[in-house]
Amino acid sequence: MNVLVFGAGFSGLAAIEAIRWRNPTARVAGTTRDPAKAARLDALGIAAHLFDGAPDPALEDAILGATHILVSIAPGAGGDPVLDAASGIVERAKDLQWIGYYSTIGVYGDAGGDWIDESFPTRALNARIDWRLKAEAQWQALAQSRGVPLAILRLAGIYGPGRSAFDKLRAGTARRIVKPGQVFNRIHNADIGEITALAAARGLEGIFNIADDEPAPPQDVVCHAAALLGIDPPPETDFDTADLPPLVRSFYAGNRRVANGKIKAALGYAMGHPTYRDGLAAILAAESGR
């Protein structure tokens, strides 16, 4: 395997770690916009490429030599930066066997808290989701033109070590926003990595929800994390009167329980962190060296 990850950030790195664990001989490369992070990637044995909208010759060579490409960079108002800058190069990658694209379960419309799967209609509830749906369609077109399998992995709310309710509680920024009936799915970063590694190795094709087994109210997660830390949770705040940034408020526009049965069946995968309780317990155990 010769793997190139566009956007070697939180989830991209988890995928790289899982790929290398399953295939120690795999060659891996990743992009970042930050020179300091590029140095850290190189130190981890990941061939780092600076990418901020225009591939340099070294990155072009990495694309042309890739057998597996994973895209973990979000689109913007101007489009998908990877497609805009590198679609022509991807077209010429002779050894390419698989493309993975990280999308979001935010592409689904509101289901009033009901269970949904990949067949549920998508709906652009805001501009960010519109950009995402357009990018999904463009990657599908590119993969089809190349005859290469594409796995669109629609991720739930991502958390893991260094990015969880624990960190917000410790920083004093956690909030217990209550909107009756509202639930969210989550996904632990390690599960993202494992699923991606399996999907890449098997050339998985299609659209798949990557979410945990138990959607839950956000305030319950905060309370549980506080209990594990032995501290009091922040006070409840009513959603209707809460002072929330527009981006945060937009997340509450879609209320749904997202099913993950399709990815489990396709890969024979059992979630390593099936609920937020399992995920938080694992983070705390890792912090304490257990």
Protein backbone atom coordinates (compact mmCIF):
# COMPACT_ATOMS: atom_id res chain seq x y z
CA MET A 1 0.00 0.00 0.00
CA ASN A 2 1.14 3.51 -0.83
CA VAL A 3 -1.27 5.74 1.08
CA LEU A 4 -1.72 9.50 0.75
CA VAL A 5 -3.92 11.33 3.26
CA PHE A 6 -5.07 14.81 2.34
CA GLY A 7 -5.44 16.43 5.74
CA ALA A 8 -3.38 14.46 8.26
CA GLY A 9 -5.25 15.92 11.22
CA PHE A 10 -7.12 14.30 14.10
CA SER A 11 -8.98 11.67 12.06
CA GLY A 12 -6.45 11.43 9.24
CA LEU A 13 -3.74 10.49 11.72
CA ALA A 14 -5.99 7.91 13.34
CA ALA A 15 -6.45 6.32 9.92
CA ILE A 16 -2.71 6.34 9.28
CA GLU A 17 -1.99 4.69 12.64
CA ALA A 18 -4.56 1.96 11.98
CA ILE A 19 -3.31 1.36 8.44
CA ARG A 20 0.29 1.03 9.62
CA TRP A 21 -0.73 -1.28 12.46
CA ARG A 22 -2.53 -3.58 10.04
CA ASN A 23 0.09 -3.27 7.31
CA PRO A 24 3.54 -2.38 8.72
CA THR A 25 5.04 -2.27 5.22
CA ALA A 26 2.59 0.38 4.01
CA ARG A 27 4.13 3.64 2.85
CA VAL A 28 2.20 6.63 4.15
CA ALA A 29 2.20 10.32 3.37
CA GLY A 30 0.04 13.16 4.58
CA THR A 31 -0.60 16.82 3.93
CA THR A 32 -0.79 19.76 6.28
CA ARG A 33 -0.75 23.54 5.98
CA ASP A 34 1.51 23.98 9.00
CA PRO A 35 5.31 23.65 8.63
CA ALA A 36 5.69 22.78 12.31
CA LYS A 37 3.14 19.99 11.97
CA ALA A 38 4.91 18.79 8.84
CA ALA A 39 8.05 18.34 10.91
CA ARG A 40 6.10 16.34 13.48
CA LEU A 41 4.64 14.11 10.77
CA ASP A 42 8.09 13.46 9.36
CA ALA A 43 9.29 12.53 12.84
CA LEU A 44 6.51 9.92 12.99
CA GLY A 45 7.69 8.38 9.74
CA ILE A 46 4.92 9.99 7.70
CA ALA A 47 6.14 11.70 4.54
CA ALA A 48 4.80 15.23 5.02
CA HIS A 49 3.73 17.58 2.25
CA LEU A 50 2.68 21.18 2.70
CA PHE A 51 -0.58 21.76 0.88
CA ASP A 52 -2.64 24.92 0.90
CA GLY A 53 -4.34 24.86 -2.47
CA ALA A 54 -1.53 24.07 -4.90
CA PRO A 55 0.45 20.81 -5.00
CA ASP A 56 4.20 21.19 -5.38
CA PRO A 57 6.19 18.68 -7.49
CA ALA A 58 6.82 16.38 -4.52
CA LEU A 59 3.12 16.20 -3.68
CA GLU A 60 2.26 15.65 -7.33
CA ASP A 61 4.63 12.67 -7.35
CA ALA A 62 2.98 11.36 -4.17
CA ILE A 63 -0.45 11.56 -5.79
CA LEU A 64 0.74 9.85 -8.95
CA GLY A 65 2.32 7.03 -6.93
CA ALA A 66 -0.56 6.48 -4.51
CA THR A 67 -2.51 3.24 -4.39
CA HIS A 68 -4.93 4.61 -1.79
CA ILE A 69 -6.01 8.23 -1.30
CA LEU A 70 -7.96 9.44 1.74
CA VAL A 71 -9.47 12.92 1.74
CA SER A 72 -10.00 14.51 5.15
CA ILE A 73 -10.21 18.17 4.11
CA ALA A 74 -13.57 19.92 4.24
CA PRO A 75 -14.87 21.89 1.27
CA GLY A 76 -15.44 25.63 1.47
CA ALA A 77 -17.41 28.26 -0.33
CA GLY A 78 -14.97 28.02 -3.23
CA GLY A 79 -15.35 24.26 -3.54
CA ASP A 80 -13.31 21.23 -2.55
CA PRO A 81 -9.64 22.30 -2.34
CA VAL A 82 -8.31 18.85 -3.20
CA LEU A 83 -10.51 18.46 -6.26
CA ASP A 84 -9.79 22.01 -7.38
CA ALA A 85 -6.04 21.57 -7.13
CA ALA A 86 -5.42 17.91 -7.83
CA SER A 87 -8.30 16.22 -9.68
CA GLY A 88 -6.30 16.22 -12.90
CA ILE A 89 -3.35 14.60 -11.13
CA VAL A 90 -5.61 11.98 -9.52
CA GLU A 91 -6.91 11.18 -13.01
CA ARG A 92 -3.34 10.26 -13.99
CA ALA A 93 -2.50 8.14 -10.93
CA LYS A 94 -1.96 4.79 -12.65
CA ASP A 95 -1.69 2.62 -9.52
CA LEU A 96 -4.72 4.06 -7.74
CA GLN A 97 -6.91 1.33 -6.21
CA TRP A 98 -9.19 3.16 -3.75
CA ILE A 99 -10.39 6.59 -2.66
CA GLY A 100 -11.85 7.36 0.76
CA TYR A 101 -13.70 10.58 1.51
CA TYR A 102 -14.63 11.80 4.98
CA SER A 103 -18.03 13.49 4.87
CA THR A 104 -20.52 14.10 7.67
CA ILE A 105 -23.87 12.77 8.87
CA GLY A 106 -24.89 16.44 8.85
CA VAL A 107 -25.89 15.93 5.20
CA TYR A 108 -29.15 14.32 6.32
CA GLY A 109 -32.21 16.42 6.96
CA ASP A 110 -34.13 16.53 10.20
CA ALA A 111 -35.79 13.25 11.21
CA GLY A 112 -37.44 14.45 14.40
CA GLY A 113 -35.25 12.14 16.46
CA ASP A 114 -36.18 8.99 14.49
CA TRP A 115 -33.71 6.34 13.39
CA ILE A 116 -32.36 6.76 9.85
CA ASP A 117 -29.88 5.02 7.60
CA GLU A 118 -28.01 5.85 4.38
CA SER A 119 -31.27 5.80 2.40
CA PHE A 120 -32.62 8.83 4.26
CA PRO A 121 -32.83 11.92 2.02
CA THR A 122 -30.01 14.41 2.22
CA ARG A 123 -30.80 18.06 2.71
CA ALA A 124 -28.59 21.12 2.82
CA LEU A 125 -29.67 22.70 6.10
CA ASN A 126 -26.96 25.34 5.69
CA ALA A 127 -24.26 26.45 3.26
CA ARG A 128 -21.62 24.14 4.78
CA ILE A 129 -23.78 21.10 4.06
CA ASP A 130 -24.47 22.29 0.54
CA TRP A 131 -20.72 22.46 -0.06
CA ARG A 132 -20.32 18.99 1.39
CA LEU A 133 -23.01 17.42 -0.80
CA LYS A 134 -21.51 19.00 -3.90
CA ALA A 135 -18.08 17.63 -2.95
CA GLU A 136 -19.52 14.13 -2.43
CA ALA A 137 -21.04 14.23 -5.91
CA GLN A 138 -17.81 15.48 -7.47
CA TRP A 139 -15.75 12.73 -5.85
CA GLN A 140 -18.29 10.18 -7.03
CA ALA A 141 -17.95 11.49 -10.58
CA LEU A 142 -14.15 11.40 -10.43
CA ALA A 143 -14.06 7.87 -9.01
CA GLN A 144 -16.53 6.67 -11.63
CA SER A 145 -14.50 8.19 -14.44
CA ARG A 146 -11.39 6.43 -13.11
CA GLY A 147 -13.16 3.15 -12.40
CA VAL A 148 -11.85 3.23 -8.85
CA PRO A 149 -13.95 2.32 -5.79
CA LEU A 150 -14.90 5.26 -3.59
CA ALA A 151 -16.03 4.98 0.03
CA ILE A 152 -17.84 8.05 1.32
CA LEU A 153 -17.64 7.78 5.10
CA ARG A 154 -20.18 10.08 6.74
CA LEU A 155 -18.78 10.77 10.20
CA ALA A 156 -20.74 11.58 13.34
CA GLY A 157 -19.43 14.02 15.97
CA ILE A 158 -15.78 13.15 16.42
CA TYR A 159 -14.17 12.80 19.84
CA GLY A 160 -11.14 11.12 21.33
CA PRO A 161 -8.07 11.77 23.48
CA GLY A 162 -7.45 15.50 23.67
CA ARG A 163 -10.81 16.30 22.11
CA SER A 164 -13.63 15.27 24.42
CA ALA A 165 -15.99 16.52 27.11
CA PHE A 166 -13.14 16.05 29.60
CA ASP A 167 -11.08 18.74 27.89
CA LYS A 168 -13.96 21.22 27.86
CA LEU A 169 -14.76 20.55 31.50
CA ARG A 170 -11.13 21.05 32.51
CA ALA A 171 -10.93 24.24 30.48
CA GLY A 172 -14.16 25.55 31.99
CA THR A 173 -15.82 25.84 28.56
CA ALA A 174 -18.24 22.91 28.81
CA ARG A 175 -21.92 23.82 28.57
CA ARG A 176 -24.98 21.75 29.36
CA ILE A 177 -27.36 22.91 26.61
CA VAL A 178 -30.80 21.36 26.92
CA LYS A 179 -33.12 21.07 23.95
CA PRO A 180 -35.88 18.56 24.78
CA GLY A 181 -35.76 15.51 22.56
CA GLN A 182 -32.45 16.43 20.92
CA VAL A 183 -29.90 13.68 20.40
CA PHE A 184 -26.56 13.42 18.62
CA ASN A 185 -24.46 10.52 17.40
CA ARG A 186 -20.76 10.46 18.13
CA ILE A 187 -17.80 8.44 16.96
CA HIS A 188 -14.52 7.77 18.73
CA ASN A 189 -11.47 8.60 16.66
CA ALA A 190 -10.03 5.12 17.07
CA ASP A 191 -13.13 3.62 15.44
CA ILE A 192 -12.76 6.03 12.53
CA GLY A 193 -9.19 4.87 12.07
CA GLU A 194 -9.98 1.16 12.26
CA ILE A 195 -12.92 1.42 9.88
CA THR A 196 -10.87 3.42 7.40
CA ALA A 197 -8.01 0.94 7.49
CA LEU A 198 -10.37 -1.96 6.82
CA ALA A 199 -12.20 -0.05 4.10
CA ALA A 200 -8.95 0.80 2.33
CA ALA A 201 -7.58 -2.74 2.54
CA ARG A 202 -10.78 -4.24 1.14
CA GLY A 203 -11.49 -1.58 -1.47
CA LEU A 204 -14.84 -0.75 0.10
CA GLU A 205 -17.23 1.15 -2.15
CA GLY A 206 -20.40 3.07 -1.31
CA ILE A 207 -21.81 5.49 1.24
CA PHE A 208 -21.59 4.54 4.90
CA ASN A 209 -22.54 6.12 8.22
CA ILE A 210 -19.70 6.04 10.75
CA ALA A 211 -21.44 6.56 14.07
CA ASP A 212 -21.69 4.95 17.49
CA ASP A 213 -24.48 2.66 18.62
CA GLU A 214 -26.20 5.02 21.03
CA PRO A 215 -27.28 8.54 20.06
CA ALA A 216 -27.69 10.59 23.21
CA PRO A 217 -28.62 14.06 24.46
CA PRO A 218 -25.51 16.25 24.63
CA GLN A 219 -26.17 17.25 28.23
CA ASP A 220 -26.02 13.58 29.27
CA VAL A 221 -22.50 13.28 27.89
CA VAL A 222 -21.35 16.33 29.83
CA CYS A 223 -22.88 15.02 33.05
CA HIS A 224 -21.30 11.60 32.63
CA ALA A 225 -17.87 13.07 31.91
CA ALA A 226 -18.14 15.31 34.96
CA ALA A 227 -19.07 12.35 37.13
CA LEU A 228 -16.03 10.41 35.88
CA LEU A 229 -13.82 13.38 36.82
CA GLY A 230 -15.52 13.70 40.19
CA ILE A 231 -16.66 17.28 39.58
CA ASP A 232 -19.99 19.03 39.32
CA PRO A 233 -21.35 19.53 35.81
CA PRO A 234 -22.09 23.04 34.57
CA PRO A 235 -25.65 24.28 35.11
CA GLU A 236 -28.33 23.53 32.56
CA THR A 237 -28.93 26.17 29.89
CA ASP A 238 -32.11 26.27 27.83
CA PHE A 239 -31.37 26.01 24.12
CA ASP A 240 -33.92 28.65 23.13
CA THR A 241 -32.34 31.32 25.32
CA ALA A 242 -28.70 30.17 25.14
CA ASP A 243 -26.16 32.54 23.63
CA LEU A 244 -24.71 30.23 20.98
CA PRO A 245 -22.59 30.99 17.92
CA PRO A 246 -24.55 30.45 14.68
CA LEU A 247 -22.38 27.46 13.77
CA VAL A 248 -23.10 25.69 17.06
CA ARG A 249 -26.81 26.50 16.88
CA SER A 250 -26.96 25.07 13.35
CA PHE A 251 -25.95 21.64 14.63
CA TYR A 252 -29.25 21.44 16.53
CA ALA A 253 -31.31 21.93 13.35
CA GLY A 254 -31.04 18.23 12.54
CA ASN A 255 -32.33 15.77 15.13
CA ARG A 256 -31.85 12.14 14.14
CA ARG A 257 -30.61 8.77 15.34
CA VAL A 258 -28.14 7.58 12.73
CA ALA A 259 -27.85 3.81 12.23
CA ASN A 260 -24.47 2.19 11.56
CA GLY A 261 -25.59 -1.28 10.48
CA LYS A 262 -24.38 -0.94 6.89
CA ILE A 263 -20.72 -0.39 7.76
CA LYS A 264 -20.80 -3.14 10.39
CA ALA A 265 -22.19 -5.60 7.86
CA ALA A 266 -19.83 -4.54 5.08
CA LEU A 267 -16.69 -4.96 7.19
CA GLY A 268 -17.83 -7.37 9.89
CA TYR A 269 -16.89 -4.62 12.31
CA ALA A 270 -17.90 -4.22 15.95
CA MET A 271 -17.47 -0.74 17.39
CA GLY A 272 -14.57 -0.53 19.79
CA HIS A 273 -16.38 2.30 21.57
CA PRO A 274 -20.09 1.61 20.98
CA THR A 275 -21.34 4.33 23.35
CA TYR A 276 -20.04 7.61 24.71
CA ARG A 277 -19.64 5.88 28.08
CA ASP A 278 -17.24 3.35 26.59
CA GLY A 279 -15.35 6.06 24.74
CA LEU A 280 -14.97 8.34 27.73
CA ALA A 281 -13.89 5.45 29.94
CA ALA A 282 -11.21 4.51 27.40
CA ILE A 283 -9.90 8.08 27.24
CA LEU A 284 -9.67 8.31 31.01
CA ALA A 285 -7.97 4.92 31.24
CA ALA A 286 -5.40 5.98 28.61
CA GLU A 287 -4.71 9.21 30.50
CA SER A 288 -3.99 7.27 33.67
CA GLY A 289 -1.85 4.70 31.87
CA ARG A 290 -4.23 1.79 32.38
